[in-house]
């Protein structure tokens, strides 16, 4: 694994140290879980174009779509961790904490997403010349909505400009609320009350939205009312609760007794069963599938945190997890390339070995997406991150003078 990782890093212009080692303040289980989640997302997108899969593999690939809900839980944990760290540095100033948070999140998400808008626009134009398409039909107003990150609330914009862009719209909507949510959740009681209020409001808005579209009040898989924030909000609530009450477990500073760990494993399998029944399996209630997937993600993160650290920090696993945002954005382009490959004699040969062909395609898409993510890390993420660190460091010095607190200063933009 190490030589392949070194080759990718050199190709992208990164030092091997950056590619192989996570910063000390990263939580290893979160990076490992990100790697697992993105492989699931790639698997479901591939499975759509490989219909001859064995039934068991088809089920596994379809369940991969709930890797996005795992991302949402991880995002809420990271956001809570970041906001609480800034609050310790700068006291209770919501203005300072929110300003720093918005700068870091925008710089982390926007530059790469804007690059994806351009790249997929060009690819879609080229595909149209060949009588094909990469993205769904959209207009200039949809592009503008994506640039402003309000596409998560508009049916024509939510997933049409960048494949998979709906999840970015959901996350950015959550980020807009996050500082205020954490401000209202300083105490354990406040956190429970705020979380329950978010769950009630999300469920109410989701039902009203679905019912306004038809008399059945039914939410279909992969359509607007499934994608938008009110249906996905339980994942963020579960992540906030996990961050507050389970952080010692995630960081490895506390371990559960084996009976509690076994109970969590069983609970996780029960939640996965609900995911199957509600969602891509039996399709009984797609609107409830994200909630069940969020609970399964919480169980998985706690159980995974008890794995040997050397597994969680394995160089390729850690690096793949750290690059998961870029891998997610570029995976659709890599899937399109594999689709073209499947139309060649190579694809014809692989049809006789569907499981092997799927694993080959999964590895190829993962490798191509990872290589593209390393390149964009070198040319987009790192320069933008360096600029943000300089800006935050300058503001941090001023803020520390106004609000003295130990440890004030700049830190990496995650």
Protein backbone atom coordinates (compact mmCIF):
# COMPACT_ATOMS: atom_id res chain seq x y z
CA UNK A 1 0.00 0.00 0.00
CA UNK A 2 2.77 2.43 0.89
CA UNK A 3 4.43 2.52 -2.60
CA UNK A 4 1.06 3.22 -4.27
CA UNK A 5 0.34 5.99 -1.78
CA UNK A 6 3.79 7.52 -2.40
CA UNK A 7 3.21 7.41 -6.17
CA UNK A 8 -0.16 9.19 -5.84
CA UNK A 9 1.36 11.79 -3.55
CA UNK A 10 4.23 12.54 -5.92
CA UNK A 11 1.83 12.73 -8.87
CA UNK A 12 -0.22 15.34 -7.00
CA UNK A 13 2.82 17.35 -5.93
CA UNK A 14 2.41 16.50 -2.25
CA UNK A 15 5.10 15.37 0.13
CA UNK A 16 4.74 11.80 1.34
CA UNK A 17 4.51 13.06 4.89
CA UNK A 18 1.41 15.09 4.12
CA UNK A 19 -0.21 12.22 2.29
CA UNK A 20 0.62 9.57 4.86
CA UNK A 21 0.21 11.25 8.23
CA UNK A 22 -2.80 12.98 9.69
CA UNK A 23 -2.29 16.06 11.84
CA UNK A 24 -2.08 15.21 15.53
CA UNK A 25 -5.41 16.91 16.29
CA UNK A 26 -7.38 14.66 13.93
CA UNK A 27 -9.54 11.85 15.30
CA UNK A 28 -8.42 8.63 13.63
CA UNK A 29 -11.78 6.84 13.68
CA UNK A 30 -13.45 9.72 11.85
CA UNK A 31 -10.97 9.59 8.97
CA UNK A 32 -11.31 5.81 8.77
CA UNK A 33 -15.11 6.12 8.76
CA UNK A 34 -14.93 8.74 6.00
CA UNK A 35 -12.95 6.28 3.90
CA UNK A 36 -15.58 3.59 4.50
CA UNK A 37 -18.42 5.99 3.70
CA UNK A 38 -16.98 7.16 0.39
CA UNK A 39 -16.39 3.59 -0.77
CA UNK A 40 -20.08 2.94 -0.09
CA UNK A 41 -21.13 5.98 -2.11
CA UNK A 42 -18.94 4.91 -5.04
CA UNK A 43 -20.38 1.38 -4.81
CA UNK A 44 -24.00 2.53 -5.15
CA UNK A 45 -23.20 4.74 -8.13
CA UNK A 46 -21.39 1.88 -9.83
CA UNK A 47 -24.14 -0.60 -9.07
CA UNK A 48 -26.58 1.47 -11.13
CA UNK A 49 -24.57 0.64 -14.26
CA UNK A 50 -23.81 -3.00 -13.50
CA UNK A 51 -27.27 -4.66 -13.35
CA UNK A 52 -26.02 -8.26 -13.61
CA UNK A 53 -24.69 -8.28 -10.05
CA UNK A 54 -25.55 -11.19 -7.73
CA UNK A 55 -28.50 -10.33 -5.45
CA UNK A 56 -26.36 -10.12 -2.30
CA UNK A 57 -23.87 -7.76 -3.95
CA UNK A 58 -26.69 -5.66 -5.35
CA UNK A 59 -28.08 -5.22 -1.82
CA UNK A 60 -24.65 -4.27 -0.46
CA UNK A 61 -24.09 -1.72 -3.20
CA UNK A 62 -27.53 -0.19 -2.70
CA UNK A 63 -26.91 0.17 1.03
CA UNK A 64 -23.77 2.11 0.11
CA UNK A 65 -25.92 5.17 -0.50
CA UNK A 66 -26.26 5.58 3.27
CA UNK A 67 -22.60 6.40 3.46
CA UNK A 68 -23.82 9.97 3.00
CA UNK A 69 -25.67 9.79 6.31
CA UNK A 70 -22.44 8.56 7.92
CA UNK A 71 -20.77 11.67 6.49
CA UNK A 72 -23.48 13.84 8.06
CA UNK A 73 -22.96 12.30 11.50
CA UNK A 74 -19.19 12.75 11.20
CA UNK A 75 -19.68 16.33 10.04
CA UNK A 76 -21.78 17.16 13.10
CA UNK A 77 -19.12 15.64 15.38
CA UNK A 78 -16.37 17.66 13.68
CA UNK A 79 -18.39 20.88 13.76
CA UNK A 80 -19.15 20.45 17.47
CA UNK A 81 -15.48 19.72 18.20
CA UNK A 82 -14.32 22.78 16.22
CA UNK A 83 -16.84 25.20 17.70
CA UNK A 84 -16.22 24.08 21.27
CA UNK A 85 -12.45 24.41 20.75
CA UNK A 86 -12.86 27.99 19.50
CA UNK A 87 -15.20 28.79 22.38
CA UNK A 88 -12.52 27.63 24.82
CA UNK A 89 -10.00 29.88 23.08
CA UNK A 90 -12.12 33.01 22.77
CA UNK A 91 -14.66 32.70 25.55
CA UNK A 92 -18.38 32.95 24.98
CA UNK A 93 -18.26 35.45 22.12
CA UNK A 94 -20.71 34.03 19.57
CA UNK A 95 -19.65 36.64 17.02
CA UNK A 96 -15.99 35.59 17.08
CA UNK A 97 -16.68 31.86 17.15
CA UNK A 98 -19.24 32.09 14.33
CA UNK A 99 -17.00 34.28 12.16
CA UNK A 100 -14.05 31.89 12.46
CA UNK A 101 -16.29 28.89 11.84
CA UNK A 102 -17.85 30.37 8.69
CA UNK A 103 -14.46 31.29 7.26
CA UNK A 104 -13.07 27.81 7.86
CA UNK A 105 -16.10 25.99 6.49
CA UNK A 106 -16.40 28.22 3.40
CA UNK A 107 -12.72 27.85 2.54
CA UNK A 108 -12.92 24.09 3.09
CA UNK A 109 -16.02 23.56 0.93
CA UNK A 110 -16.44 26.37 -1.61
CA UNK A 111 -13.22 26.46 -3.71
CA UNK A 112 -13.32 22.76 -4.57
CA UNK A 113 -17.07 22.83 -5.14
CA UNK A 114 -16.75 25.80 -7.49
CA UNK A 115 -14.06 23.88 -9.38
CA UNK A 116 -16.45 20.93 -9.63
CA UNK A 117 -19.16 23.19 -11.09
CA UNK A 118 -16.75 24.26 -13.84
CA UNK A 119 -15.40 20.75 -14.50
CA UNK A 120 -18.81 19.10 -14.71
CA UNK A 121 -20.09 21.95 -16.87
CA UNK A 122 -17.28 21.31 -19.36
CA UNK A 123 -17.73 17.53 -19.19
CA UNK A 124 -21.47 17.86 -19.74
CA UNK A 125 -20.89 20.10 -22.76
CA UNK A 126 -18.48 17.55 -24.25
CA UNK A 127 -20.91 14.73 -23.49
CA UNK A 128 -23.71 16.57 -25.29
CA UNK A 129 -21.51 16.78 -28.39
CA UNK A 130 -21.37 12.97 -28.25
CA UNK A 131 -25.16 12.77 -27.64
CA UNK A 132 -24.76 11.94 -23.95
CA UNK A 133 -24.92 13.72 -20.63
CA UNK A 134 -23.08 13.85 -17.32
CA UNK A 135 -25.37 16.05 -15.26
CA UNK A 136 -29.14 16.48 -15.10
CA UNK A 137 -30.74 19.24 -17.17
CA UNK A 138 -30.34 22.63 -15.51
CA UNK A 139 -30.21 26.35 -16.24
CA UNK A 140 -28.05 29.33 -15.31
CA UNK A 141 -30.28 30.03 -12.30
CA UNK A 142 -29.50 26.55 -10.97
CA UNK A 143 -25.77 27.21 -11.32
CA UNK A 144 -26.19 30.48 -9.41
CA UNK A 145 -28.08 28.67 -6.64
CA UNK A 146 -25.19 26.24 -6.32
CA UNK A 147 -22.68 29.08 -6.20
CA UNK A 148 -24.67 30.60 -3.32
CA UNK A 149 -25.16 27.20 -1.66
CA UNK A 150 -28.93 27.57 -1.53
CA UNK A 151 -29.48 24.72 -3.99
CA UNK A 152 -30.47 22.40 -1.15
CA UNK A 153 -33.84 24.17 -1.01
CA UNK A 154 -34.64 24.29 -4.75
CA UNK A 155 -35.93 21.17 -6.56
CA UNK A 156 -34.36 22.02 -9.92
CA UNK A 157 -30.98 22.92 -8.43
CA UNK A 158 -30.42 20.47 -5.58
CA UNK A 159 -28.66 17.72 -7.55
CA UNK A 160 -28.46 18.87 -11.15
CA UNK A 161 -25.29 20.96 -11.45
CA UNK A 162 -22.76 18.75 -9.63
CA UNK A 163 -23.54 15.02 -9.32
CA UNK A 164 -24.05 14.33 -5.63
CA UNK A 165 -24.11 18.05 -4.90
CA UNK A 166 -27.29 17.68 -2.87
CA UNK A 167 -25.30 16.54 0.17
CA UNK A 168 -23.10 19.65 -0.03
CA UNK A 169 -26.24 21.81 -0.03
CA UNK A 170 -27.53 19.96 3.04
CA UNK A 171 -24.21 20.35 4.88
CA UNK A 172 -23.92 24.05 4.08
CA UNK A 173 -27.45 24.64 5.36
CA UNK A 174 -26.51 22.88 8.59
CA UNK A 175 -23.30 24.90 8.83
CA UNK A 176 -25.33 28.11 8.63
CA UNK A 177 -27.22 27.05 11.77
CA UNK A 178 -24.42 25.26 13.62
CA UNK A 179 -22.93 28.14 15.69
CA UNK A 180 -26.36 29.11 16.98
CA UNK A 181 -27.29 25.49 17.68
CA UNK A 182 -24.10 24.97 19.68
CA UNK A 183 -24.60 28.29 21.47
CA UNK A 184 -28.01 27.08 22.63
CA UNK A 185 -26.56 23.69 23.61
CA UNK A 186 -23.92 24.59 26.17
CA UNK A 187 -25.51 22.52 28.91
CA UNK A 188 -26.54 18.89 28.64
CA UNK A 189 -30.17 19.91 29.09
CA UNK A 190 -29.84 22.57 26.42
CA UNK A 191 -28.32 20.05 24.03
CA UNK A 192 -31.14 17.55 24.55
CA UNK A 193 -33.80 20.25 24.20
CA UNK A 194 -32.21 21.78 21.11
CA UNK A 195 -31.79 18.37 19.51
CA UNK A 196 -35.39 17.38 20.19
CA UNK A 197 -36.60 20.72 18.82
CA UNK A 198 -34.58 20.16 15.64
CA UNK A 199 -36.03 16.65 15.26
CA UNK A 200 -39.60 17.89 15.74
CA UNK A 201 -39.16 20.84 13.38
CA UNK A 202 -37.44 18.67 10.77
CA UNK A 203 -40.15 16.01 10.87
CA UNK A 204 -42.92 18.61 10.70
CA UNK A 205 -41.41 20.43 7.74
CA UNK A 206 -40.67 17.15 5.96
CA UNK A 207 -44.27 15.96 6.33
CA UNK A 208 -45.71 19.32 5.27
CA UNK A 209 -43.40 19.43 2.25
CA UNK A 210 -44.20 15.88 1.16
CA UNK A 211 -47.93 16.33 1.68
CA UNK A 212 -47.94 19.57 -0.30
CA UNK A 213 -46.66 17.62 -3.30
CA UNK A 214 -49.34 14.92 -3.23
CA UNK A 215 -52.15 13.38 -1.24
CA UNK A 216 -50.10 10.33 -0.20
CA UNK A 217 -47.51 12.32 1.77
CA UNK A 218 -44.92 9.80 0.58
CA UNK A 219 -41.20 10.53 0.24
CA UNK A 220 -39.50 8.70 -2.61
CA UNK A 221 -35.86 7.68 -2.67
CA UNK A 222 -33.46 10.11 -4.36
CA UNK A 223 -35.99 12.83 -5.03
CA UNK A 224 -36.15 16.37 -3.68
CA UNK A 225 -38.04 15.71 -0.45
CA UNK A 226 -35.64 12.88 0.39
CA UNK A 227 -32.58 15.02 -0.31
CA UNK A 228 -33.41 18.16 1.60
CA UNK A 229 -32.29 19.10 5.11
CA UNK A 230 -35.51 18.42 7.13
CA UNK A 231 -35.34 14.71 6.27
CA UNK A 232 -31.59 14.50 6.91
CA UNK A 233 -31.51 16.61 10.09
CA UNK A 234 -31.68 13.60 12.50
CA UNK A 235 -28.19 12.57 11.35
CA UNK A 236 -26.79 15.93 12.46
CA UNK A 237 -28.65 15.77 15.78
CA UNK A 238 -27.27 12.29 16.49
CA UNK A 239 -23.81 13.56 15.59
CA UNK A 240 -24.11 16.49 18.02
CA UNK A 241 -25.20 14.15 20.81
CA UNK A 242 -22.35 11.78 20.00
CA UNK A 243 -19.83 14.63 20.07
CA UNK A 244 -20.99 15.79 23.50
CA UNK A 245 -21.39 12.43 25.23
CA UNK A 246 -19.14 10.10 23.22
CA UNK A 247 -16.03 12.10 22.39
CA UNK A 248 -13.84 10.24 24.95
CA UNK A 249 -14.79 7.01 23.17
CA UNK A 250 -14.04 8.41 19.71
CA UNK A 251 -10.64 9.68 20.76
CA UNK A 252 -9.78 6.40 22.48
CA UNK A 253 -9.33 7.92 25.93
CA UNK A 254 -12.16 5.75 27.24
CA UNK A 255 -13.12 2.16 26.43
CA UNK A 256 -16.44 0.40 26.84
CA UNK A 257 -16.71 -2.95 28.63
CA UNK A 258 -17.20 -5.85 26.26
CA UNK A 259 -20.87 -6.30 27.18
CA UNK A 260 -21.68 -2.70 26.28
CA UNK A 261 -19.67 -3.04 23.08
CA UNK A 262 -21.54 -6.21 22.13
CA UNK A 263 -24.85 -4.44 22.81
CA UNK A 264 -23.78 -1.63 20.46
CA UNK A 265 -22.85 -4.13 17.75
CA UNK A 266 -26.30 -5.72 18.03
CA UNK A 267 -27.96 -2.29 18.05
CA UNK A 268 -26.01 -1.37 14.94
CA UNK A 269 -27.20 -4.48 13.11
CA UNK A 270 -30.77 -3.73 14.21
CA UNK A 271 -30.48 -0.22 12.80
CA UNK A 272 -29.06 -1.59 9.55
CA UNK A 273 -32.06 -3.92 9.34
CA UNK A 274 -34.33 -0.88 9.70
CA UNK A 275 -32.33 0.91 7.01
CA UNK A 276 -32.93 -2.03 4.68
CA UNK A 277 -36.64 -2.23 5.50
CA UNK A 278 -37.25 1.51 5.31
CA UNK A 279 -34.92 2.30 2.43
CA UNK A 280 -33.22 0.76 -0.58
CA UNK A 281 -34.21 -2.82 0.38
CA UNK A 282 -37.93 -3.18 1.10
CA UNK A 283 -38.62 0.54 0.42
CA UNK A 284 -41.29 0.84 3.11
CA UNK A 285 -40.53 4.40 4.25
CA UNK A 286 -37.65 6.23 2.57
CA UNK A 287 -38.29 9.28 4.72
CA UNK A 288 -37.27 7.32 7.83
CA UNK A 289 -34.23 5.61 6.30
CA UNK A 290 -31.80 8.52 6.99
CA UNK A 291 -32.73 8.50 10.69
CA UNK A 292 -32.09 4.76 10.96
CA UNK A 293 -28.85 5.19 9.00
CA UNK A 294 -27.77 7.96 11.39
CA UNK A 295 -28.30 5.71 14.39
CA UNK A 296 -26.39 2.91 12.67
CA UNK A 297 -23.57 5.38 11.99
CA UNK A 298 -23.36 6.32 15.69
CA UNK A 299 -23.11 2.65 16.69
CA UNK A 300 -20.52 2.01 13.99
CA UNK A 301 -18.32 4.95 15.03
CA UNK A 302 -18.26 3.92 18.68
CA UNK A 303 -17.54 0.27 17.86
CA UNK A 304 -14.88 1.22 15.29
CA UNK A 305 -13.15 3.46 17.84
CA UNK A 306 -12.26 0.25 19.74
CA UNK A 307 -10.36 -1.20 16.79
CA UNK A 308 -6.54 -1.22 16.95
CA UNK A 309 -5.18 2.26 16.31
CA UNK A 310 -2.75 0.95 13.71
CA UNK A 311 -5.75 -0.13 11.61
CA UNK A 312 -7.49 3.23 11.89
CA UNK A 313 -4.27 5.11 11.13
CA UNK A 314 -3.12 2.87 8.28
CA UNK A 315 -1.60 5.31 5.76
CA UNK A 316 -3.90 4.60 2.83
CA UNK A 317 -7.04 4.46 5.01
CA UNK A 318 -6.20 7.73 6.78
CA UNK A 319 -5.25 9.53 3.57
CA UNK A 320 -8.32 8.25 1.71
CA UNK A 321 -10.52 9.49 4.55
CA UNK A 322 -8.84 12.89 4.64
CA UNK A 323 -9.34 13.22 0.87
CA UNK A 324 -12.95 11.98 1.02
CA UNK A 325 -14.50 15.33 0.05
CA UNK A 326 -12.47 15.50 -3.14
CA UNK A 327 -13.03 11.80 -3.81
CA UNK A 328 -16.77 12.36 -3.43
CA UNK A 329 -16.83 15.25 -5.89
CA UNK A 330 -14.70 13.58 -8.57
CA UNK A 331 -16.12 10.07 -8.27
CA UNK A 332 -18.98 10.80 -10.68
CA UNK A 333 -16.47 11.71 -13.41
CA UNK A 334 -14.51 8.53 -12.66
CA UNK A 335 -17.72 6.46 -12.83
CA UNK A 336 -18.44 8.00 -16.26
CA UNK A 337 -14.99 6.88 -17.44
CA UNK A 338 -15.61 3.35 -16.16
CA UNK A 339 -19.00 3.32 -17.88
CA UNK A 340 -17.19 4.06 -21.14
CA UNK A 341 -14.69 1.29 -20.38
CA UNK A 342 -17.53 -1.18 -19.79
CA UNK A 343 -18.66 -0.62 -23.39
CA UNK A 344 -15.34 -1.96 -24.69
CA UNK A 345 -14.24 -5.61 -24.97
CA UNK A 346 -12.97 -5.31 -21.39
CA UNK A 347 -16.54 -4.74 -20.22
CA UNK A 348 -17.78 -7.65 -22.32
CA UNK A 349 -15.25 -9.96 -20.68
CA UNK A 350 -16.12 -8.73 -17.19
CA UNK A 351 -19.82 -9.52 -17.74
CA UNK A 352 -18.95 -13.20 -17.32
CA UNK A 353 -17.51 -12.43 -13.88
CA UNK A 354 -19.90 -9.82 -12.42
CA UNK A 355 -18.52 -9.87 -8.86
CA UNK A 356 -14.93 -9.61 -10.03
CA UNK A 357 -15.92 -6.92 -12.53
CA UNK A 358 -17.65 -4.88 -9.84
CA UNK A 359 -14.65 -5.10 -7.51
CA UNK A 360 -12.33 -4.12 -10.38
CA UNK A 361 -14.53 -1.15 -11.26
CA UNK A 362 -14.80 -0.13 -7.59
CA UNK A 363 -11.01 -0.19 -7.21
CA UNK A 364 -10.51 1.73 -10.45
CA UNK A 365 -13.02 4.46 -9.63
CA UNK A 366 -11.61 4.78 -6.11
CA UNK A 367 -8.06 5.11 -7.44
CA UNK A 368 -8.98 7.65 -10.12
CA UNK A 369 -11.05 9.73 -7.72
CA UNK A 370 -8.32 9.61 -5.09
CA UNK A 371 -5.68 10.73 -7.59
CA UNK A 372 -7.91 13.63 -8.70
CA UNK A 373 -8.51 14.57 -5.05
CA UNK A 374 -4.77 14.66 -4.36
CA UNK A 375 -4.25 16.94 -7.35
CA UNK A 376 -6.96 19.35 -6.25
CA UNK A 377 -5.60 19.26 -2.70
CA UNK A 378 -2.26 20.43 -4.07
CA UNK A 379 -3.61 23.16 -6.31
CA UNK A 380 -6.85 24.28 -4.61
CA UNK A 381 -7.28 23.11 -1.00
CA UNK A 382 -3.80 23.81 0.28
CA UNK A 383 -3.42 27.35 -1.16
CA UNK A 384 -6.90 28.32 0.05
CA UNK A 385 -6.26 26.73 3.43
CA UNK A 386 -2.98 28.64 3.79
CA UNK A 387 -4.75 31.92 3.04
CA UNK A 388 -7.46 31.12 5.59
CA UNK A 389 -4.89 30.26 8.25
CA UNK A 390 -3.15 33.60 7.74
CA UNK A 391 -6.49 35.40 7.97
CA UNK A 392 -7.56 33.48 11.07
CA UNK A 393 -4.17 33.94 12.70
CA UNK A 394 -4.37 37.72 12.22
CA UNK A 395 -7.92 37.82 13.58
CA UNK A 396 -6.99 35.36 16.32
CA UNK A 397 -4.30 37.66 17.65
CA UNK A 398 -6.75 40.57 17.77
CA UNK A 399 -9.50 38.44 19.29
CA UNK A 400 -7.15 37.03 21.92
CA UNK A 401 -6.29 40.57 23.02
CA UNK A 402 -9.94 41.49 23.35
CA UNK A 403 -10.97 38.15 24.89
CA UNK A 404 -7.93 36.69 26.67
CA UNK A 405 -8.02 32.91 26.87
CA UNK A 406 -5.27 30.29 26.98
CA UNK A 407 -4.27 28.76 23.67
CA UNK A 408 -5.63 31.48 21.37
CA UNK A 409 -4.20 31.47 17.91
CA UNK A 410 -4.54 29.93 14.48
CA UNK A 411 -5.07 26.26 13.74
CA UNK A 412 -5.43 24.14 10.62
CA UNK A 413 -8.62 24.50 8.64
CA UNK A 414 -10.25 21.04 8.69
